Amino acid sequence: MPPKAEKVRKQYANKEYPRVVLRFEDGHEIHLDKGQSKSFDCYVGERIKILVVYDPTAKEWEKIDTLRAEQFEDATA
């Protein structure tokens, strides 16, 4: 059996865009308006897409980056 994936607690702060969506490999999403921050659990090596939403009625969002879980800041207690 492969080793169990290590879960880590990370955080992201949206300081620049009107609305950001963090899209995880398993399909769930976290929506953050400008000025908000959120901590979340993820797995080491997991890729998380960062999408920006300029128009909430648009069907497509602009991808600004894809980061691995370990590239996000560690969550503060």
PDB file of N, CA and C in Angstrom:
ATOM      1  N   MET A   1       0.839  -1.200   0.000  1.00  0.00           N
ATOM      2  CA  MET A   1       0.000   0.000   0.000  1.00  0.00           C
ATOM      3  C   MET A   1       0.879   1.256   0.000  1.00  0.00           C
ATOM      4  N   PRO A   2       0.433   2.295  -0.702  1.00  0.00           N
ATOM      5  CA  PRO A   2       1.189   3.545  -0.681  1.00  0.00           C
ATOM      6  C   PRO A   2       1.055   4.213   0.692  1.00  0.00           C
ATOM      7  N   PRO A   3       2.033   5.032   1.049  1.00  0.00           N
ATOM      8  CA  PRO A   3       1.945   5.718   2.343  1.00  0.00           C
ATOM      9  C   PRO A   3       0.761   6.675   2.379  1.00  0.00           C
ATOM     10  N   LYS A   4       0.211   6.881   3.571  1.00  0.00           N
ATOM     11  CA  LYS A   4      -0.926   7.781   3.742  1.00  0.00           C
ATOM     12  C   LYS A   4      -0.475   9.225   3.513  1.00  0.00           C
ATOM     13  N   ALA A   5      -1.279   9.986   2.788  1.00  0.00           N
ATOM     14  CA  ALA A   5      -0.955  11.385   2.491  1.00  0.00           C
ATOM     15  C   ALA A   5      -0.993  12.214   3.773  1.00  0.00           C
ATOM     16  N   GLU A   6      -0.043  13.131   3.876  1.00  0.00           N
ATOM     17  CA  GLU A   6       0.057  13.986   5.062  1.00  0.00           C
ATOM     18  C   GLU A   6      -0.835  15.217   4.891  1.00  0.00           C
ATOM     19  N   LYS A   7      -1.727  15.433   5.857  1.00  0.00           N
ATOM     20  CA  LYS A   7      -2.632  16.590   5.829  1.00  0.00           C
ATOM     21  C   LYS A   7      -1.939  17.767   6.504  1.00  0.00           C
ATOM     22  N   VAL A   8      -2.072  18.947   5.907  1.00  0.00           N
ATOM     23  CA  VAL A   8      -1.472  20.162   6.455  1.00  0.00           C
ATOM     24  C   VAL A   8      -2.523  21.273   6.500  1.00  0.00           C
ATOM     25  N   ARG A   9      -2.314  22.246   7.372  1.00  0.00           N
ATOM     26  CA  ARG A   9      -3.223  23.392   7.512  1.00  0.00           C
ATOM     27  C   ARG A   9      -2.531  24.602   6.901  1.00  0.00           C
ATOM     28  N   LYS A  10      -3.149  25.201   5.885  1.00  0.00           N
ATOM     29  CA  LYS A  10      -2.575  26.339   5.167  1.00  0.00           C
ATOM     30  C   LYS A  10      -3.575  27.484   5.148  1.00  0.00           C
ATOM     31  N   GLN A  11      -3.135  28.634   4.632  1.00  0.00           N
ATOM     32  CA  GLN A  11      -4.024  29.785   4.543  1.00  0.00           C
ATOM     33  C   GLN A  11      -3.736  30.575   3.273  1.00  0.00           C
ATOM     34  N   TYR A  12      -4.741  31.362   2.860  1.00  0.00           N
ATOM     35  CA  TYR A  12      -4.604  32.222   1.695  1.00  0.00           C
ATOM     36  C   TYR A  12      -5.346  33.519   1.979  1.00  0.00           C
ATOM     37  N   ALA A  13      -4.751  34.641   1.595  1.00  0.00           N
ATOM     38  CA  ALA A  13      -5.382  35.951   1.756  1.00  0.00           C
ATOM     39  C   ALA A  13      -5.534  36.593   0.383  1.00  0.00           C
ATOM     40  N   ASN A  14      -6.737  37.040   0.065  1.00  0.00           N
ATOM     41  CA  ASN A  14      -7.010  37.722  -1.199  1.00  0.00           C
ATOM     42  C   ASN A  14      -6.849  39.219  -0.966  1.00  0.00           C
ATOM     43  N   LYS A  15      -5.720  39.764  -1.385  1.00  0.00           N
ATOM     44  CA  LYS A  15      -5.434  41.180  -1.177  1.00  0.00           C
ATOM     45  C   LYS A  15      -5.573  42.006  -2.454  1.00  0.00           C
ATOM     46  N   GLU A  16      -5.747  41.318  -3.602  1.00  0.00           N
ATOM     47  CA  GLU A  16      -5.622  42.024  -4.870  1.00  0.00           C
ATOM     48  C   GLU A  16      -6.856  41.967  -5.774  1.00  0.00           C
ATOM     49  N   TYR A  17      -7.565  40.871  -5.811  1.00  0.00           N
ATOM     50  CA  TYR A  17      -8.619  40.646  -6.800  1.00  0.00           C
ATOM     51  C   TYR A  17     -10.013  40.828  -6.198  1.00  0.00           C
ATOM     52  N   PRO A  18     -11.010  41.188  -7.032  1.00  0.00           N
ATOM     53  CA  PRO A  18     -12.375  41.377  -6.513  1.00  0.00           C
ATOM     54  C   PRO A  18     -12.932  40.105  -5.871  1.00  0.00           C
ATOM     55  N   ARG A  19     -12.677  38.952  -6.484  1.00  0.00           N
ATOM     56  CA  ARG A  19     -13.112  37.668  -5.929  1.00  0.00           C
ATOM     57  C   ARG A  19     -12.169  36.580  -6.441  1.00  0.00           C
ATOM     58  N   VAL A  20     -11.741  35.725  -5.529  1.00  0.00           N
ATOM     59  CA  VAL A  20     -10.843  34.623  -5.858  1.00  0.00           C
ATOM     60  C   VAL A  20     -11.516  33.314  -5.481  1.00  0.00           C
ATOM     61  N   VAL A  21     -11.279  32.291  -6.294  1.00  0.00           N
ATOM     62  CA  VAL A  21     -11.757  30.947  -6.000  1.00  0.00           C
ATOM     63  C   VAL A  21     -10.550  30.029  -5.937  1.00  0.00           C
ATOM     64  N   LEU A  22     -10.410  29.303  -4.828  1.00  0.00           N
ATOM     65  CA  LEU A  22      -9.402  28.254  -4.716  1.00  0.00           C
ATOM     66  C   LEU A  22     -10.096  26.952  -5.079  1.00  0.00           C
ATOM     67  N   ARG A  23      -9.639  26.289  -6.127  1.00  0.00           N
ATOM     68  CA  ARG A  23     -10.268  25.044  -6.572  1.00  0.00           C
ATOM     69  C   ARG A  23      -9.303  23.887  -6.293  1.00  0.00           C
ATOM     70  N   PHE A  24      -9.759  22.946  -5.469  1.00  0.00           N
ATOM     71  CA  PHE A  24      -8.942  21.823  -5.035  1.00  0.00           C
ATOM     72  C   PHE A  24      -9.100  20.634  -5.979  1.00  0.00           C
ATOM     73  N   GLU A  25      -8.158  19.686  -5.909  1.00  0.00           N
ATOM     74  CA  GLU A  25      -8.172  18.522  -6.792  1.00  0.00           C
ATOM     75  C   GLU A  25      -9.440  17.694  -6.648  1.00  0.00           C
ATOM     76  N   ASP A  26     -10.000  17.649  -5.448  1.00  0.00           N
ATOM     77  CA  ASP A  26     -11.212  16.843  -5.246  1.00  0.00           C
ATOM     78  C   ASP A  26     -12.476  17.570  -5.713  1.00  0.00           C
ATOM     79  N   GLY A  27     -12.326  18.810  -6.216  1.00  0.00           N
ATOM     80  CA  GLY A  27     -13.456  19.534  -6.786  1.00  0.00           C
ATOM     81  C   GLY A  27     -14.073  20.584  -5.882  1.00  0.00           C
ATOM     82  N   HIS A  28     -13.756  20.576  -4.581  1.00  0.00           N
ATOM     83  CA  HIS A  28     -14.389  21.596  -3.740  1.00  0.00           C
ATOM     84  C   HIS A  28     -13.686  22.942  -3.932  1.00  0.00           C
ATOM     85  N   GLU A  29     -14.395  24.004  -3.599  1.00  0.00           N
ATOM     86  CA  GLU A  29     -13.914  25.354  -3.835  1.00  0.00           C
ATOM     87  C   GLU A  29     -14.086  26.216  -2.595  1.00  0.00           C
ATOM     88  N   ILE A  30     -13.191  27.188  -2.459  1.00  0.00           N
ATOM     89  CA  ILE A  30     -13.302  28.208  -1.423  1.00  0.00           C
ATOM     90  C   ILE A  30     -13.342  29.556  -2.143  1.00  0.00           C
ATOM     91  N   HIS A  31     -14.372  30.357  -1.865  1.00  0.00           N
ATOM     92  CA  HIS A  31     -14.545  31.672  -2.485  1.00  0.00           C
ATOM     93  C   HIS A  31     -14.128  32.739  -1.489  1.00  0.00           C
ATOM     94  N   LEU A  32     -13.304  33.687  -1.950  1.00  0.00           N
ATOM     95  CA  LEU A  32     -12.823  34.766  -1.089  1.00  0.00           C
ATOM     96  C   LEU A  32     -12.985  36.107  -1.794  1.00  0.00           C
ATOM     97  N   ASP A  33     -13.693  37.029  -1.159  1.00  0.00           N
ATOM     98  CA  ASP A  33     -13.792  38.385  -1.684  1.00  0.00           C
ATOM     99  C   ASP A  33     -12.530  39.155  -1.303  1.00  0.00           C
ATOM    100  N   LYS A  34     -12.304  40.271  -1.964  1.00  0.00           N
ATOM    101  CA  LYS A  34     -11.121  41.082  -1.696  1.00  0.00           C
ATOM    102  C   LYS A  34     -11.070  41.457  -0.216  1.00  0.00           C
ATOM    103  N   GLY A  35      -9.893  41.281   0.393  1.00  0.00           N
ATOM    104  CA  GLY A  35      -9.701  41.607   1.794  1.00  0.00           C
ATOM    105  C   GLY A  35      -9.947  40.444   2.739  1.00  0.00           C
ATOM    106  N   GLN A  36     -10.455  39.331   2.245  1.00  0.00           N
ATOM    107  CA  GLN A  36     -10.715  38.162   3.101  1.00  0.00           C
ATOM    108  C   GLN A  36      -9.528  37.206   3.087  1.00  0.00           C
ATOM    109  N   SER A  37      -9.421  36.444   4.158  1.00  0.00           N
ATOM    110  CA  SER A  37      -8.440  35.359   4.199  1.00  0.00           C
ATOM    111  C   SER A  37      -9.133  34.135   4.784  1.00  0.00           C
ATOM    112  N   LYS A  38      -8.581  32.979   4.486  1.00  0.00           N
ATOM    113  CA  LYS A  38      -9.208  31.722   4.908  1.00  0.00           C
ATOM    114  C   LYS A  38      -8.121  30.684   5.110  1.00  0.00           C
ATOM    115  N   SER A  39      -8.271  29.892   6.165  1.00  0.00           N
ATOM    116  CA  SER A  39      -7.378  28.755   6.354  1.00  0.00           C
ATOM    117  C   SER A  39      -8.129  27.493   5.957  1.00  0.00           C
ATOM    118  N   PHE A  40      -7.375  26.481   5.527  1.00  0.00           N
ATOM    119  CA  PHE A  40      -7.980  25.264   5.003  1.00  0.00           C
ATOM    120  C   PHE A  40      -7.019  24.093   5.179  1.00  0.00           C
ATOM    121  N   ASP A  41      -7.582  22.897   5.161  1.00  0.00           N
ATOM    122  CA  ASP A  41      -6.793  21.669   5.205  1.00  0.00           C
ATOM    123  C   ASP A  41      -6.577  21.170   3.788  1.00  0.00           C
ATOM    124  N   CYS A  42      -5.380  20.673   3.524  1.00  0.00           N
ATOM    125  CA  CYS A  42      -5.068  20.084   2.227  1.00  0.00           C
ATOM    126  C   CYS A  42      -3.974  19.043   2.439  1.00  0.00           C
ATOM    127  N   TYR A  43      -3.592  18.382   1.387  1.00  0.00           N
ATOM    128  CA  TYR A  43      -2.587  17.331   1.478  1.00  0.00           C
ATOM    129  C   TYR A  43      -1.294  17.767   0.811  1.00  0.00           C
ATOM    130  N   VAL A  44      -0.170  17.357   1.373  1.00  0.00           N
ATOM    131  CA  VAL A  44       1.130  17.668   0.797  1.00  0.00           C
ATOM    132  C   VAL A  44       1.147  17.169  -0.649  1.00  0.00           C
ATOM    133  N   GLY A  45       1.563  18.026  -1.570  1.00  0.00           N
ATOM    134  CA  GLY A  45       1.624  17.676  -2.974  1.00  0.00           C
ATOM    135  C   GLY A  45       0.358  17.972  -3.760  1.00  0.00           C
ATOM    136  N   GLU A  46      -0.727  18.277  -3.071  1.00  0.00           N
ATOM    137  CA  GLU A  46      -1.987  18.588  -3.762  1.00  0.00           C
ATOM    138  C   GLU A  46      -1.843  19.894  -4.542  1.00  0.00           C
ATOM    139  N   ARG A  47      -2.375  19.918  -5.750  1.00  0.00           N
ATOM    140  CA  ARG A  47      -2.351  21.121  -6.575  1.00  0.00           C
ATOM    141  C   ARG A  47      -3.670  21.873  -6.403  1.00  0.00           C
ATOM    142  N   ILE A  48      -3.551  23.177  -6.174  1.00  0.00           N
ATOM    143  CA  ILE A  48      -4.725  24.020  -5.958  1.00  0.00           C
ATOM    144  C   ILE A  48      -4.688  25.151  -6.979  1.00  0.00           C
ATOM    145  N   LYS A  49      -5.757  25.253  -7.773  1.00  0.00           N
ATOM    146  CA  LYS A  49      -5.848  26.313  -8.778  1.00  0.00           C
ATOM    147  C   LYS A  49      -6.395  27.575  -8.128  1.00  0.00           C
ATOM    148  N   ILE A  50      -5.817  28.700  -8.508  1.00  0.00           N
ATOM    149  CA  ILE A  50      -6.303  29.995  -8.046  1.00  0.00           C
ATOM    150  C   ILE A  50      -6.938  30.685  -9.247  1.00  0.00           C
ATOM    151  N   LEU A  51      -8.245  30.927  -9.135  1.00  0.00           N
ATOM    152  CA  LEU A  51      -9.013  31.541 -10.215  1.00  0.00           C
ATOM    153  C   LEU A  51      -9.524  32.893  -9.762  1.00  0.00           C
ATOM    154  N   VAL A  52      -9.549  33.859 -10.673  1.00  0.00           N
ATOM    155  CA  VAL A  52     -10.078  35.171 -10.336  1.00  0.00           C
ATOM    156  C   VAL A  52     -11.410  35.365 -11.053  1.00  0.00           C
ATOM    157  N   VAL A  53     -12.344  35.984 -10.340  1.00  0.00           N
ATOM    158  CA  VAL A  53     -13.682  36.242 -10.866  1.00  0.00           C
ATOM    159  C   VAL A  53     -13.864  37.756 -10.941  1.00  0.00           C
ATOM    160  N   TYR A  54     -13.890  38.272 -12.148  1.00  0.00           N
ATOM    161  CA  TYR A  54     -14.144  39.705 -12.331  1.00  0.00           C
ATOM    162  C   TYR A  54     -15.635  39.961 -12.485  1.00  0.00           C
ATOM    163  N   ASP A  55     -16.342  39.028 -13.131  1.00  0.00           N
ATOM    164  CA  ASP A  55     -17.773  39.153 -13.369  1.00  0.00           C
ATOM    165  C   ASP A  55     -18.456  37.891 -12.838  1.00  0.00           C
ATOM    166  N   PRO A  56     -19.196  37.982 -11.727  1.00  0.00           N
ATOM    167  CA  PRO A  56     -19.827  36.799 -11.130  1.00  0.00           C
ATOM    168  C   PRO A  56     -20.832  36.096 -12.039  1.00  0.00           C
ATOM    169  N   THR A  57     -21.346  36.786 -13.057  1.00  0.00           N
ATOM    170  CA  THR A  57     -22.306  36.162 -13.962  1.00  0.00           C
ATOM    171  C   THR A  57     -21.620  35.412 -15.102  1.00  0.00           C
ATOM    172  N   ALA A  58     -20.314  35.584 -15.264  1.00  0.00           N
ATOM    173  CA  ALA A  58     -19.577  34.915 -16.338  1.00  0.00           C
ATOM    174  C   ALA A  58     -19.449  33.425 -16.033  1.00  0.00           C
ATOM    175  N   LYS A  59     -19.466  32.622 -17.082  1.00  0.00           N
ATOM    176  CA  LYS A  59     -19.343  31.183 -16.904  1.00  0.00           C
ATOM    177  C   LYS A  59     -17.885  30.745 -16.768  1.00  0.00           C
ATOM    178  N   GLU A  60     -16.963  31.538 -17.301  1.00  0.00           N
ATOM    179  CA  GLU A  60     -15.553  31.187 -17.229  1.00  0.00           C
ATOM    180  C   GLU A  60     -14.809  32.182 -16.350  1.00  0.00           C
ATOM    181  N   TRP A  61     -13.880  31.645 -15.573  1.00  0.00           N
ATOM    182  CA  TRP A  61     -13.054  32.469 -14.708  1.00  0.00           C
ATOM    183  C   TRP A  61     -11.629  32.400 -15.205  1.00  0.00           C
ATOM    184  N   GLU A  62     -10.842  33.399 -14.862  1.00  0.00           N
ATOM    185  CA  GLU A  62      -9.458  33.458 -15.313  1.00  0.00           C
ATOM    186  C   GLU A  62      -8.542  32.766 -14.303  1.00  0.00           C
ATOM    187  N   LYS A  63      -7.756  31.803 -14.783  1.00  0.00           N
ATOM    188  CA  LYS A  63      -6.799  31.118 -13.915  1.00  0.00           C
ATOM    189  C   LYS A  63      -5.564  31.988 -13.790  1.00  0.00           C
ATOM    190  N   ILE A  64      -5.184  32.309 -12.555  1.00  0.00           N
ATOM    191  CA  ILE A  64      -4.004  33.137 -12.367  1.00  0.00           C
ATOM    192  C   ILE A  64      -2.796  32.333 -11.901  1.00  0.00           C
ATOM    193  N   ASP A  65      -3.031  31.157 -11.300  1.00  0.00           N
ATOM    194  CA  ASP A  65      -1.905  30.344 -10.841  1.00  0.00           C
ATOM    195  C   ASP A  65      -2.381  28.966 -10.407  1.00  0.00           C
ATOM    196  N   THR A  66      -1.445  28.042 -10.348  1.00  0.00           N
ATOM    197  CA  THR A  66      -1.666  26.737  -9.743  1.00  0.00           C
ATOM    198  C   THR A  66      -0.511  26.509  -8.794  1.00  0.00           C
ATOM    199  N   LEU A  67      -0.820  26.296  -7.528  1.00  0.00           N
ATOM    200  CA  LEU A  67       0.218  26.105  -6.511  1.00  0.00           C
ATOM    201  C   LEU A  67       0.059  24.750  -5.842  1.00  0.00           C
ATOM    202  N   ARG A  68       1.161  24.200  -5.401  1.00  0.00           N
ATOM    203  CA  ARG A  68       1.117  22.997  -4.570  1.00  0.00           C
ATOM    204  C   ARG A  68       0.820  23.441  -3.139  1.00  0.00           C
ATOM    205  N   ALA A  69       0.244  22.560  -2.374  1.00  0.00           N
ATOM    206  CA  ALA A  69      -0.169  22.889  -1.006  1.00  0.00           C
ATOM    207  C   ALA A  69       0.966  23.495  -0.191  1.00  0.00           C
ATOM    208  N   GLU A  70       2.162  22.955  -0.341  1.00  0.00           N
ATOM    209  CA  GLU A  70       3.280  23.444   0.474  1.00  0.00           C
ATOM    210  C   GLU A  70       3.736  24.859   0.097  1.00  0.00           C
ATOM    211  N   GLN A  71       3.238  25.409  -1.008  1.00  0.00           N
ATOM    212  CA  GLN A  71       3.597  26.769  -1.411  1.00  0.00           C
ATOM    213  C   GLN A  71       2.737  27.832  -0.720  1.00  0.00           C
ATOM    214  N   PHE A  72       1.640  27.437  -0.090  1.00  0.00           N
ATOM    215  CA  PHE A  72       0.805  28.377   0.643  1.00  0.00           C
ATOM    216  C   PHE A  72       1.413  28.622   2.025  1.00  0.00           C
ATOM    217  N   GLU A  73       1.051  29.750   2.628  1.00  0.00           N
ATOM    218  CA  GLU A  73       1.505  30.062   3.993  1.00  0.00           C
ATOM    219  C   GLU A  73       0.911  29.078   4.983  1.00  0.00           C
ATOM    220  N   ASP A  74       1.670  28.736   6.016  1.00  0.00           N
ATOM    221  CA  ASP A  74       1.131  27.906   7.093  1.00  0.00           C
ATOM    222  C   ASP A  74       0.076  28.715   7.834  1.00  0.00           C
ATOM    223  N   ALA A  75      -0.991  28.056   8.232  1.00  0.00           N
ATOM    224  CA  ALA A  75      -2.062  28.720   8.971  1.00  0.00           C
ATOM    225  C   ALA A  75      -1.589  29.035  10.384  1.00  0.00           C
ATOM    226  N   THR A  76      -1.984  30.191  10.864  1.00  0.00           N
ATOM    227  CA  THR A  76      -1.660  30.564  12.236  1.00  0.00           C
ATOM    228  C   THR A  76      -2.705  29.975  13.161  1.00  0.00           C
ATOM    229  N   ALA A  77      -2.321  29.691  14.359  1.00  0.00           N
ATOM    230  CA  ALA A  77      -3.213  29.066  15.325  1.00  0.00           C
ATOM    231  C   ALA A  77      -4.324  29.939  15.696  1.00  0.00           C
TER     232      ALA A  77
END
